[in-house]
């Protein structure tokens, strides 16, 4: 994945990558929404879906959300858990998403 795939700067990608690489027991993270579609506005949020392991819970989601909120990113990062979304929403994400983590 390259930073321009999400229309983020290399510096912003470094922040995102650093946060995702911290020990949160995350299996996979996918980006979706306007940044993946190539239609973001200057300060559009970054939508991330977390495919959670059994040990990933709402407490860890809150900690991860706080990490993004307190970062130097100039936009909001919205997080959703795969286990908490509807089948319809899953289909939307599956059809238009980009794997961010683990890095392949």
PDB file of N, CA and C in Angstrom:
ATOM      1  N   UNK A   1       0.841  -1.175   0.000  1.00  0.00           N
ATOM      2  CA  UNK A   1       0.000   0.000   0.000  1.00  0.00           C
ATOM      3  C   UNK A   1       0.882   1.231   0.000  1.00  0.00           C
ATOM      4  N   UNK A   2       0.532   2.182  -0.841  1.00  0.00           N
ATOM      5  CA  UNK A   2       1.262   3.444  -0.889  1.00  0.00           C
ATOM      6  C   UNK A   2       0.380   4.539  -0.314  1.00  0.00           C
ATOM      7  N   UNK A   3       0.980   5.548   0.312  1.00  0.00           N
ATOM      8  CA  UNK A   3       0.169   6.625   0.894  1.00  0.00           C
ATOM      9  C   UNK A   3      -0.804   7.255  -0.092  1.00  0.00           C
ATOM     10  N   UNK A   4      -0.369   7.419  -1.353  1.00  0.00           N
ATOM     11  CA  UNK A   4      -1.276   8.071  -2.302  1.00  0.00           C
ATOM     12  C   UNK A   4      -2.464   7.193  -2.679  1.00  0.00           C
ATOM     13  N   UNK A   5      -2.440   5.888  -2.325  1.00  0.00           N
ATOM     14  CA  UNK A   5      -3.622   5.049  -2.533  1.00  0.00           C
ATOM     15  C   UNK A   5      -4.798   5.540  -1.694  1.00  0.00           C
ATOM     16  N   UNK A   6      -4.498   6.180  -0.568  1.00  0.00           N
ATOM     17  CA  UNK A   6      -5.530   6.720   0.328  1.00  0.00           C
ATOM     18  C   UNK A   6      -5.596   8.235   0.271  1.00  0.00           C
ATOM     19  N   UNK A   7      -4.791   8.825  -0.591  1.00  0.00           N
ATOM     20  CA  UNK A   7      -4.718  10.280  -0.698  1.00  0.00           C
ATOM     21  C   UNK A   7      -4.312  10.898   0.636  1.00  0.00           C
ATOM     22  N   UNK A   8      -3.278  10.308   1.238  1.00  0.00           N
ATOM     23  CA  UNK A   8      -2.670  10.853   2.452  1.00  0.00           C
ATOM     24  C   UNK A   8      -1.202  11.121   2.146  1.00  0.00           C
ATOM     25  N   UNK A   9      -0.606  12.016   2.891  1.00  0.00           N
ATOM     26  CA  UNK A   9       0.809  12.322   2.689  1.00  0.00           C
ATOM     27  C   UNK A   9       1.666  11.202   3.282  1.00  0.00           C
ATOM     28  N   UNK A  10       2.923  11.112   2.873  1.00  0.00           N
ATOM     29  CA  UNK A  10       3.810  10.118   3.493  1.00  0.00           C
ATOM     30  C   UNK A  10       3.915  10.298   5.008  1.00  0.00           C
ATOM     31  N   UNK A  11       3.896  11.538   5.470  1.00  0.00           N
ATOM     32  CA  UNK A  11       3.963  11.793   6.914  1.00  0.00           C
ATOM     33  C   UNK A  11       2.703  11.279   7.618  1.00  0.00           C
ATOM     34  N   UNK A  12       1.548  11.494   7.000  1.00  0.00           N
ATOM     35  CA  UNK A  12       0.298  10.996   7.585  1.00  0.00           C
ATOM     36  C   UNK A  12       0.277   9.472   7.576  1.00  0.00           C
ATOM     37  N   UNK A  13       0.763   8.854   6.498  1.00  0.00           N
ATOM     38  CA  UNK A  13       0.812   7.400   6.435  1.00  0.00           C
ATOM     39  C   UNK A  13       1.717   6.847   7.536  1.00  0.00           C
ATOM     40  N   UNK A  14       2.812   7.528   7.809  1.00  0.00           N
ATOM     41  CA  UNK A  14       3.728   7.112   8.879  1.00  0.00           C
ATOM     42  C   UNK A  14       2.997   7.082  10.226  1.00  0.00           C
ATOM     43  N   UNK A  15       2.185   8.088  10.496  1.00  0.00           N
ATOM     44  CA  UNK A  15       1.409   8.140  11.746  1.00  0.00           C
ATOM     45  C   UNK A  15       0.406   6.992  11.792  1.00  0.00           C
ATOM     46  N   UNK A  16      -0.336   6.803  10.698  1.00  0.00           N
ATOM     47  CA  UNK A  16      -1.353   5.743  10.631  1.00  0.00           C
ATOM     48  C   UNK A  16      -0.697   4.379  10.836  1.00  0.00           C
ATOM     49  N   UNK A  17       0.373   4.140  10.112  1.00  0.00           N
ATOM     50  CA  UNK A  17       1.079   2.867  10.187  1.00  0.00           C
ATOM     51  C   UNK A  17       1.635   2.618  11.587  1.00  0.00           C
ATOM     52  N   UNK A  18       2.208   3.645  12.177  1.00  0.00           N
ATOM     53  CA  UNK A  18       2.761   3.519  13.527  1.00  0.00           C
ATOM     54  C   UNK A  18       1.676   3.128  14.532  1.00  0.00           C
ATOM     55  N   UNK A  19       0.533   3.762  14.452  1.00  0.00           N
ATOM     56  CA  UNK A  19      -0.559   3.451  15.383  1.00  0.00           C
ATOM     57  C   UNK A  19      -1.052   2.024  15.171  1.00  0.00           C
ATOM     58  N   UNK A  20      -1.230   1.620  13.917  1.00  0.00           N
ATOM     59  CA  UNK A  20      -1.729   0.269  13.642  1.00  0.00           C
ATOM     60  C   UNK A  20      -0.728  -0.809  14.043  1.00  0.00           C
ATOM     61  N   UNK A  21       0.538  -0.477  14.060  1.00  0.00           N
ATOM     62  CA  UNK A  21       1.566  -1.458  14.422  1.00  0.00           C
ATOM     63  C   UNK A  21       1.765  -1.606  15.923  1.00  0.00           C
ATOM     64  N   UNK A  22       1.092  -0.785  16.704  1.00  0.00           N
ATOM     65  CA  UNK A  22       1.177  -0.951  18.159  1.00  0.00           C
ATOM     66  C   UNK A  22       0.415  -2.210  18.547  1.00  0.00           C
ATOM     67  N   UNK A  23       0.631  -2.709  19.711  1.00  0.00           N
ATOM     68  CA  UNK A  23       0.098  -4.011  20.108  1.00  0.00           C
ATOM     69  C   UNK A  23      -1.379  -3.937  20.503  1.00  0.00           C
ATOM     70  N   UNK A  24      -2.245  -4.001  19.504  1.00  0.00           N
ATOM     71  CA  UNK A  24      -3.688  -3.988  19.767  1.00  0.00           C
ATOM     72  C   UNK A  24      -4.352  -5.326  19.440  1.00  0.00           C
ATOM     73  N   UNK A  25      -3.583  -6.341  19.071  1.00  0.00           N
ATOM     74  CA  UNK A  25      -4.137  -7.644  18.668  1.00  0.00           C
ATOM     75  C   UNK A  25      -5.099  -7.515  17.498  1.00  0.00           C
ATOM     76  N   UNK A  26      -4.702  -6.772  16.508  1.00  0.00           N
ATOM     77  CA  UNK A  26      -5.526  -6.572  15.319  1.00  0.00           C
ATOM     78  C   UNK A  26      -5.147  -7.621  14.283  1.00  0.00           C
ATOM     79  N   UNK A  27      -6.154  -8.277  13.707  1.00  0.00           N
ATOM     80  CA  UNK A  27      -5.898  -9.236  12.633  1.00  0.00           C
ATOM     81  C   UNK A  27      -5.689  -8.510  11.308  1.00  0.00           C
ATOM     82  N   UNK A  28      -6.690  -7.731  10.911  1.00  0.00           N
ATOM     83  CA  UNK A  28      -6.626  -7.002   9.646  1.00  0.00           C
ATOM     84  C   UNK A  28      -7.342  -5.669   9.792  1.00  0.00           C
ATOM     85  N   UNK A  29      -6.878  -4.694   9.024  1.00  0.00           N
ATOM     86  CA  UNK A  29      -7.542  -3.393   8.960  1.00  0.00           C
ATOM     87  C   UNK A  29      -7.719  -3.038   7.491  1.00  0.00           C
ATOM     88  N   UNK A  30      -8.939  -2.651   7.147  1.00  0.00           N
ATOM     89  CA  UNK A  30      -9.257  -2.233   5.788  1.00  0.00           C
ATOM     90  C   UNK A  30      -9.727  -0.788   5.805  1.00  0.00           C
ATOM     91  N   UNK A  31      -9.279  -0.018   4.827  1.00  0.00           N
ATOM     92  CA  UNK A  31      -9.810   1.328   4.623  1.00  0.00           C
ATOM     93  C   UNK A  31     -10.974   1.212   3.648  1.00  0.00           C
ATOM     94  N   UNK A  32     -11.960   2.075   3.832  1.00  0.00           N
ATOM     95  CA  UNK A  32     -13.097   2.120   2.915  1.00  0.00           C
ATOM     96  C   UNK A  32     -13.599   3.553   2.885  1.00  0.00           C
ATOM     97  N   UNK A  33     -14.586   3.817   2.074  1.00  0.00           N
ATOM     98  CA  UNK A  33     -15.167   5.157   2.023  1.00  0.00           C
ATOM     99  C   UNK A  33     -14.522   6.042   0.971  1.00  0.00           C
ATOM    100  N   UNK A  34     -14.681   7.346   1.156  1.00  0.00           N
ATOM    101  CA  UNK A  34     -14.298   8.308   0.120  1.00  0.00           C
ATOM    102  C   UNK A  34     -12.810   8.290  -0.209  1.00  0.00           C
ATOM    103  N   UNK A  35     -11.960   8.013   0.748  1.00  0.00           N
ATOM    104  CA  UNK A  35     -10.520   7.992   0.458  1.00  0.00           C
ATOM    105  C   UNK A  35     -10.141   6.809  -0.428  1.00  0.00           C
ATOM    106  N   UNK A  36     -10.829   5.699  -0.290  1.00  0.00           N
ATOM    107  CA  UNK A  36     -10.562   4.541  -1.142  1.00  0.00           C
ATOM    108  C   UNK A  36     -11.184   4.751  -2.520  1.00  0.00           C
ATOM    109  N   UNK A  37     -12.334   5.389  -2.558  1.00  0.00           N
ATOM    110  CA  UNK A  37     -13.005   5.657  -3.832  1.00  0.00           C
ATOM    111  C   UNK A  37     -12.310   6.753  -4.631  1.00  0.00           C
ATOM    112  N   UNK A  38     -11.376   7.464  -3.992  1.00  0.00           N
ATOM    113  CA  UNK A  38     -10.680   8.546  -4.672  1.00  0.00           C
ATOM    114  C   UNK A  38     -11.480   9.825  -4.738  1.00  0.00           C
ATOM    115  N   UNK A  39     -12.431   9.990  -3.815  1.00  0.00           N
ATOM    116  CA  UNK A  39     -13.310  11.154  -3.827  1.00  0.00           C
ATOM    117  C   UNK A  39     -13.262  11.976  -2.539  1.00  0.00           C
ATOM    118  N   UNK A  40     -12.153  11.975  -1.809  1.00  0.00           N
ATOM    119  CA  UNK A  40     -12.190  12.715  -0.546  1.00  0.00           C
ATOM    120  C   UNK A  40     -12.090  14.216  -0.762  1.00  0.00           C
ATOM    121  N   UNK A  41     -12.650  14.920   0.179  1.00  0.00           N
ATOM    122  CA  UNK A  41     -12.429  16.357   0.242  1.00  0.00           C
ATOM    123  C   UNK A  41     -11.147  16.558   1.057  1.00  0.00           C
ATOM    124  N   UNK A  42     -10.677  17.777   1.170  1.00  0.00           N
ATOM    125  CA  UNK A  42      -9.384  18.033   1.808  1.00  0.00           C
ATOM    126  C   UNK A  42      -9.282  17.418   3.206  1.00  0.00           C
ATOM    127  N   UNK A  43     -10.325  17.551   4.009  1.00  0.00           N
ATOM    128  CA  UNK A  43     -10.274  17.037   5.381  1.00  0.00           C
ATOM    129  C   UNK A  43     -11.270  15.899   5.607  1.00  0.00           C
ATOM    130  N   UNK A  44     -11.550  15.119   4.555  1.00  0.00           N
ATOM    131  CA  UNK A  44     -12.429  13.959   4.717  1.00  0.00           C
ATOM    132  C   UNK A  44     -11.843  13.006   5.746  1.00  0.00           C
ATOM    133  N   UNK A  45     -12.729  12.372   6.500  1.00  0.00           N
ATOM    134  CA  UNK A  45     -12.255  11.416   7.498  1.00  0.00           C
ATOM    135  C   UNK A  45     -11.671  10.182   6.819  1.00  0.00           C
ATOM    136  N   UNK A  46     -10.991   9.388   7.599  1.00  0.00           N
ATOM    137  CA  UNK A  46     -10.452   8.113   7.144  1.00  0.00           C
ATOM    138  C   UNK A  46     -11.278   7.032   7.819  1.00  0.00           C
ATOM    139  N   UNK A  47     -11.954   6.220   7.014  1.00  0.00           N
ATOM    140  CA  UNK A  47     -12.805   5.152   7.535  1.00  0.00           C
ATOM    141  C   UNK A  47     -12.018   3.851   7.564  1.00  0.00           C
ATOM    142  N   UNK A  48     -11.925   3.245   8.746  1.00  0.00           N
ATOM    143  CA  UNK A  48     -11.200   1.993   8.908  1.00  0.00           C
ATOM    144  C   UNK A  48     -12.104   0.937   9.523  1.00  0.00           C
ATOM    145  N   UNK A  49     -12.056  -0.261   8.943  1.00  0.00           N
ATOM    146  CA  UNK A  49     -12.800  -1.393   9.477  1.00  0.00           C
ATOM    147  C   UNK A  49     -11.779  -2.381  10.028  1.00  0.00           C
ATOM    148  N   UNK A  50     -11.993  -2.802  11.259  1.00  0.00           N
ATOM    149  CA  UNK A  50     -11.077  -3.721  11.931  1.00  0.00           C
ATOM    150  C   UNK A  50     -11.695  -5.106  11.956  1.00  0.00           C
ATOM    151  N   UNK A  51     -10.998  -6.055  11.317  1.00  0.00           N
ATOM    152  CA  UNK A  51     -11.391  -7.460  11.457  1.00  0.00           C
ATOM    153  C   UNK A  51     -10.737  -7.920  12.744  1.00  0.00           C
ATOM    154  N   UNK A  52     -11.554  -8.091  13.739  1.00  0.00           N
ATOM    155  CA  UNK A  52     -11.060  -8.297  15.089  1.00  0.00           C
ATOM    156  C   UNK A  52     -10.836  -9.761  15.422  1.00  0.00           C
ATOM    157  N   UNK A  53      -9.795  -9.979  16.204  1.00  0.00           N
ATOM    158  CA  UNK A  53      -9.534 -11.302  16.753  1.00  0.00           C
ATOM    159  C   UNK A  53     -10.384 -11.459  18.014  1.00  0.00           C
ATOM    160  N   UNK A  54     -10.366 -12.633  18.575  1.00  0.00           N
ATOM    161  CA  UNK A  54     -11.142 -12.871  19.797  1.00  0.00           C
ATOM    162  C   UNK A  54     -10.679 -12.000  20.954  1.00  0.00           C
ATOM    163  N   UNK A  55      -9.404 -11.608  20.941  1.00  0.00           N
ATOM    164  CA  UNK A  55      -8.886 -10.811  22.049  1.00  0.00           C
ATOM    165  C   UNK A  55      -9.070  -9.309  21.846  1.00  0.00           C
ATOM    166  N   UNK A  56      -9.519  -8.908  20.661  1.00  0.00           N
ATOM    167  CA  UNK A  56      -9.770  -7.485  20.420  1.00  0.00           C
ATOM    168  C   UNK A  56     -11.177  -7.176  20.909  1.00  0.00           C
ATOM    169  N   UNK A  57     -11.305  -6.154  21.755  1.00  0.00           N
ATOM    170  CA  UNK A  57     -12.604  -5.854  22.343  1.00  0.00           C
ATOM    171  C   UNK A  57     -12.885  -4.357  22.265  1.00  0.00           C
ATOM    172  N   UNK A  58     -14.021  -3.956  22.793  1.00  0.00           N
ATOM    173  CA  UNK A  58     -14.417  -2.548  22.722  1.00  0.00           C
ATOM    174  C   UNK A  58     -13.470  -1.647  23.503  1.00  0.00           C
ATOM    175  N   UNK A  59     -12.875  -2.164  24.555  1.00  0.00           N
ATOM    176  CA  UNK A  59     -11.897  -1.376  25.310  1.00  0.00           C
ATOM    177  C   UNK A  59     -10.680  -1.064  24.436  1.00  0.00           C
ATOM    178  N   UNK A  60     -10.206  -2.063  23.705  1.00  0.00           N
ATOM    179  CA  UNK A  60      -9.072  -1.835  22.802  1.00  0.00           C
ATOM    180  C   UNK A  60      -9.468  -0.908  21.657  1.00  0.00           C
ATOM    181  N   UNK A  61     -10.710  -1.023  21.200  1.00  0.00           N
ATOM    182  CA  UNK A  61     -11.194  -0.113  20.154  1.00  0.00           C
ATOM    183  C   UNK A  61     -11.162   1.326  20.658  1.00  0.00           C
ATOM    184  N   UNK A  62     -11.582   1.533  21.896  1.00  0.00           N
ATOM    185  CA  UNK A  62     -11.562   2.878  22.484  1.00  0.00           C
ATOM    186  C   UNK A  62     -10.129   3.395  22.599  1.00  0.00           C
ATOM    187  N   UNK A  63      -9.204   2.534  23.001  1.00  0.00           N
ATOM    188  CA  UNK A  63      -7.795   2.938  23.094  1.00  0.00           C
ATOM    189  C   UNK A  63      -7.224   3.282  21.722  1.00  0.00           C
ATOM    190  N   UNK A  64      -7.555   2.471  20.732  1.00  0.00           N
ATOM    191  CA  UNK A  64      -7.097   2.733  19.369  1.00  0.00           C
ATOM    192  C   UNK A  64      -7.678   4.040  18.850  1.00  0.00           C
ATOM    193  N   UNK A  65      -8.943   4.258  19.112  1.00  0.00           N
ATOM    194  CA  UNK A  65      -9.598   5.506  18.709  1.00  0.00           C
ATOM    195  C   UNK A  65      -8.925   6.707  19.362  1.00  0.00           C
ATOM    196  N   UNK A  66      -8.579   6.577  20.631  1.00  0.00           N
ATOM    197  CA  UNK A  66      -7.890   7.652  21.347  1.00  0.00           C
ATOM    198  C   UNK A  66      -6.515   7.920  20.744  1.00  0.00           C
ATOM    199  N   UNK A  67      -5.817   6.874  20.345  1.00  0.00           N
ATOM    200  CA  UNK A  67      -4.510   7.047  19.699  1.00  0.00           C
ATOM    201  C   UNK A  67      -4.648   7.898  18.435  1.00  0.00           C
ATOM    202  N   UNK A  68      -5.657   7.598  17.626  1.00  0.00           N
ATOM    203  CA  UNK A  68      -5.866   8.386  16.411  1.00  0.00           C
ATOM    204  C   UNK A  68      -6.300   9.810  16.745  1.00  0.00           C
ATOM    205  N   UNK A  69      -7.177   9.960  17.726  1.00  0.00           N
ATOM    206  CA  UNK A  69      -7.665  11.295  18.102  1.00  0.00           C
ATOM    207  C   UNK A  69      -6.548  12.195  18.608  1.00  0.00           C
ATOM    208  N   UNK A  70      -5.598  11.619  19.322  1.00  0.00           N
ATOM    209  CA  UNK A  70      -4.523  12.431  19.887  1.00  0.00           C
ATOM    210  C   UNK A  70      -3.319  12.556  18.947  1.00  0.00           C
ATOM    211  N   UNK A  71      -3.424  11.982  17.759  1.00  0.00           N
ATOM    212  CA  UNK A  71      -2.323  12.067  16.790  1.00  0.00           C
ATOM    213  C   UNK A  71      -2.335  13.424  16.090  1.00  0.00           C
ATOM    214  N   UNK A  72      -1.352  13.628  15.248  1.00  0.00           N
ATOM    215  CA  UNK A  72      -1.251  14.872  14.483  1.00  0.00           C
ATOM    216  C   UNK A  72      -1.975  14.803  13.140  1.00  0.00           C
ATOM    217  N   UNK A  73      -2.796  13.792  12.942  1.00  0.00           N
ATOM    218  CA  UNK A  73      -3.547  13.715  11.686  1.00  0.00           C
ATOM    219  C   UNK A  73      -4.540  14.873  11.612  1.00  0.00           C
ATOM    220  N   UNK A  74      -4.659  15.522  10.450  1.00  0.00           N
ATOM    221  CA  UNK A  74      -5.545  16.680  10.327  1.00  0.00           C
ATOM    222  C   UNK A  74      -6.995  16.311  10.024  1.00  0.00           C
ATOM    223  N   UNK A  75      -7.348  15.061  10.206  1.00  0.00           N
ATOM    224  CA  UNK A  75      -8.711  14.599   9.946  1.00  0.00           C
ATOM    225  C   UNK A  75      -9.051  13.514  10.957  1.00  0.00           C
ATOM    226  N   UNK A  76     -10.339  13.254  11.053  1.00  0.00           N
ATOM    227  CA  UNK A  76     -10.848  12.241  11.983  1.00  0.00           C
ATOM    228  C   UNK A  76     -10.665  10.849  11.382  1.00  0.00           C
ATOM    229  N   UNK A  77     -10.408   9.882  12.231  1.00  0.00           N
ATOM    230  CA  UNK A  77     -10.355   8.486  11.818  1.00  0.00           C
ATOM    231  C   UNK A  77     -11.545   7.785  12.462  1.00  0.00           C
ATOM    232  N   UNK A  78     -12.449   7.285  11.619  1.00  0.00           N
ATOM    233  CA  UNK A  78     -13.620   6.553  12.104  1.00  0.00           C
ATOM    234  C   UNK A  78     -13.316   5.064  12.072  1.00  0.00           C
ATOM    235  N   UNK A  79     -13.594   4.387  13.180  1.00  0.00           N
ATOM    236  CA  UNK A  79     -13.311   2.963  13.308  1.00  0.00           C
ATOM    237  C   UNK A  79     -14.599   2.172  13.459  1.00  0.00           C
ATOM    238  N   UNK A  80     -14.689   1.054  12.744  1.00  0.00           N
ATOM    239  CA  UNK A  80     -15.798   0.123  12.930  1.00  0.00           C
ATOM    240  C   UNK A  80     -15.217  -1.280  13.080  1.00  0.00           C
ATOM    241  N   UNK A  81     -15.904  -2.106  13.842  1.00  0.00           N
ATOM    242  CA  UNK A  81     -15.505  -3.503  14.026  1.00  0.00           C
ATOM    243  C   UNK A  81     -16.308  -4.394  13.091  1.00  0.00           C
ATOM    244  N   UNK A  82     -15.627  -5.281  12.409  1.00  0.00           N
ATOM    245  CA  UNK A  82     -16.277  -6.238  11.515  1.00  0.00           C
ATOM    246  C   UNK A  82     -17.379  -7.003  12.248  1.00  0.00           C
ATOM    247  N   UNK A  83     -17.107  -7.412  13.465  1.00  0.00           N
ATOM    248  CA  UNK A  83     -18.067  -8.219  14.228  1.00  0.00           C
ATOM    249  C   UNK A  83     -19.305  -7.432  14.653  1.00  0.00           C
ATOM    250  N   UNK A  84     -19.267  -6.111  14.531  1.00  0.00           N
ATOM    251  CA  UNK A  84     -20.372  -5.271  15.002  1.00  0.00           C
ATOM    252  C   UNK A  84     -21.200  -4.651  13.874  1.00  0.00           C
ATOM    253  N   UNK A  85     -20.865  -4.936  12.622  1.00  0.00           N
ATOM    254  CA  UNK A  85     -21.594  -4.296  11.521  1.00  0.00           C
ATOM    255  C   UNK A  85     -22.516  -5.296  10.832  1.00  0.00           C
ATOM    256  N   UNK A  86     -23.496  -4.765  10.133  1.00  0.00           N
ATOM    257  CA  UNK A  86     -24.491  -5.604   9.463  1.00  0.00           C
ATOM    258  C   UNK A  86     -23.893  -6.293   8.238  1.00  0.00           C
ATOM    259  N   UNK A  87     -24.565  -7.343   7.792  1.00  0.00           N
ATOM    260  CA  UNK A  87     -24.124  -8.048   6.586  1.00  0.00           C
ATOM    261  C   UNK A  87     -24.129  -7.127   5.372  1.00  0.00           C
ATOM    262  N   UNK A  88     -25.124  -6.245   5.280  1.00  0.00           N
ATOM    263  CA  UNK A  88     -25.185  -5.307   4.154  1.00  0.00           C
ATOM    264  C   UNK A  88     -23.979  -4.378   4.151  1.00  0.00           C
ATOM    265  N   UNK A  89     -23.619  -3.872   5.322  1.00  0.00           N
ATOM    266  CA  UNK A  89     -22.462  -2.983   5.425  1.00  0.00           C
ATOM    267  C   UNK A  89     -21.179  -3.748   5.105  1.00  0.00           C
ATOM    268  N   UNK A  90     -21.108  -5.006   5.525  1.00  0.00           N
ATOM    269  CA  UNK A  90     -19.942  -5.838   5.212  1.00  0.00           C
ATOM    270  C   UNK A  90     -19.765  -5.980   3.701  1.00  0.00           C
ATOM    271  N   UNK A  91     -20.867  -6.195   2.996  1.00  0.00           N
ATOM    272  CA  UNK A  91     -20.800  -6.340   1.534  1.00  0.00           C
ATOM    273  C   UNK A  91     -20.268  -5.072   0.884  1.00  0.00           C
ATOM    274  N   UNK A  92     -20.719  -3.931   1.374  1.00  0.00           N
ATOM    275  CA  UNK A  92     -20.238  -2.652   0.837  1.00  0.00           C
ATOM    276  C   UNK A  92     -18.732  -2.537   1.041  1.00  0.00           C
ATOM    277  N   UNK A  93     -18.287  -2.840   2.247  1.00  0.00           N
ATOM    278  CA  UNK A  93     -16.862  -2.736   2.558  1.00  0.00           C
ATOM    279  C   UNK A  93     -16.051  -3.746   1.743  1.00  0.00           C
ATOM    280  N   UNK A  94     -16.551  -4.970   1.633  1.00  0.00           N
ATOM    281  CA  UNK A  94     -15.827  -5.993   0.872  1.00  0.00           C
ATOM    282  C   UNK A  94     -15.646  -5.591  -0.586  1.00  0.00           C
ATOM    283  N   UNK A  95     -16.633  -4.901  -1.153  1.00  0.00           N
ATOM    284  CA  UNK A  95     -16.580  -4.519  -2.564  1.00  0.00           C
ATOM    285  C   UNK A  95     -15.681  -3.326  -2.836  1.00  0.00           C
ATOM    286  N   UNK A  96     -15.446  -2.510  -1.837  1.00  0.00           N
ATOM    287  CA  UNK A  96     -14.643  -1.318  -2.076  1.00  0.00           C
ATOM    288  C   UNK A  96     -13.817  -0.992  -0.838  1.00  0.00           C
ATOM    289  N   UNK A  97     -12.743  -1.753  -0.668  1.00  0.00           N
ATOM    290  CA  UNK A  97     -11.869  -1.519   0.483  1.00  0.00           C
ATOM    291  C   UNK A  97     -10.427  -1.795   0.084  1.00  0.00           C
ATOM    292  N   UNK A  98      -9.538  -1.388   0.948  1.00  0.00           N
ATOM    293  CA  UNK A  98      -8.108  -1.524   0.709  1.00  0.00           C
ATOM    294  C   UNK A  98      -7.466  -2.046   1.987  1.00  0.00           C
ATOM    295  N   UNK A  99      -6.777  -3.172   1.899  1.00  0.00           N
ATOM    296  CA  UNK A  99      -6.112  -3.748   3.067  1.00  0.00           C
ATOM    297  C   UNK A  99      -4.944  -2.862   3.490  1.00  0.00           C
ATOM    298  N   UNK A 100      -4.974  -2.411   4.743  1.00  0.00           N
ATOM    299  CA  UNK A 100      -3.890  -1.589   5.280  1.00  0.00           C
ATOM    300  C   UNK A 100      -2.966  -2.367   6.197  1.00  0.00           C
ATOM    301  N   UNK A 101      -3.528  -3.318   6.920  1.00  0.00           N
ATOM    302  CA  UNK A 101      -2.777  -4.038   7.941  1.00  0.00           C
ATOM    303  C   UNK A 101      -3.304  -5.455   8.019  1.00  0.00           C
ATOM    304  N   UNK A 102      -2.506  -6.491   8.055  1.00  0.00           N
ATOM    305  CA  UNK A 102      -1.054  -6.361   8.043  1.00  0.00           C
ATOM    306  C   UNK A 102      -0.573  -5.929   6.666  1.00  0.00           C
ATOM    307  N   UNK A 103       0.600  -5.333   6.632  1.00  0.00           N
ATOM    308  CA  UNK A 103       1.167  -4.856   5.371  1.00  0.00           C
ATOM    309  C   UNK A 103       1.587  -6.057   4.542  1.00  0.00           C
ATOM    310  N   UNK A 104       1.140  -6.088   3.313  1.00  0.00           N
ATOM    311  CA  UNK A 104       1.492  -7.211   2.416  1.00  0.00           C
ATOM    312  C   UNK A 104       2.513  -6.743   1.406  1.00  0.00           C
TER     313      UNK A 104
END
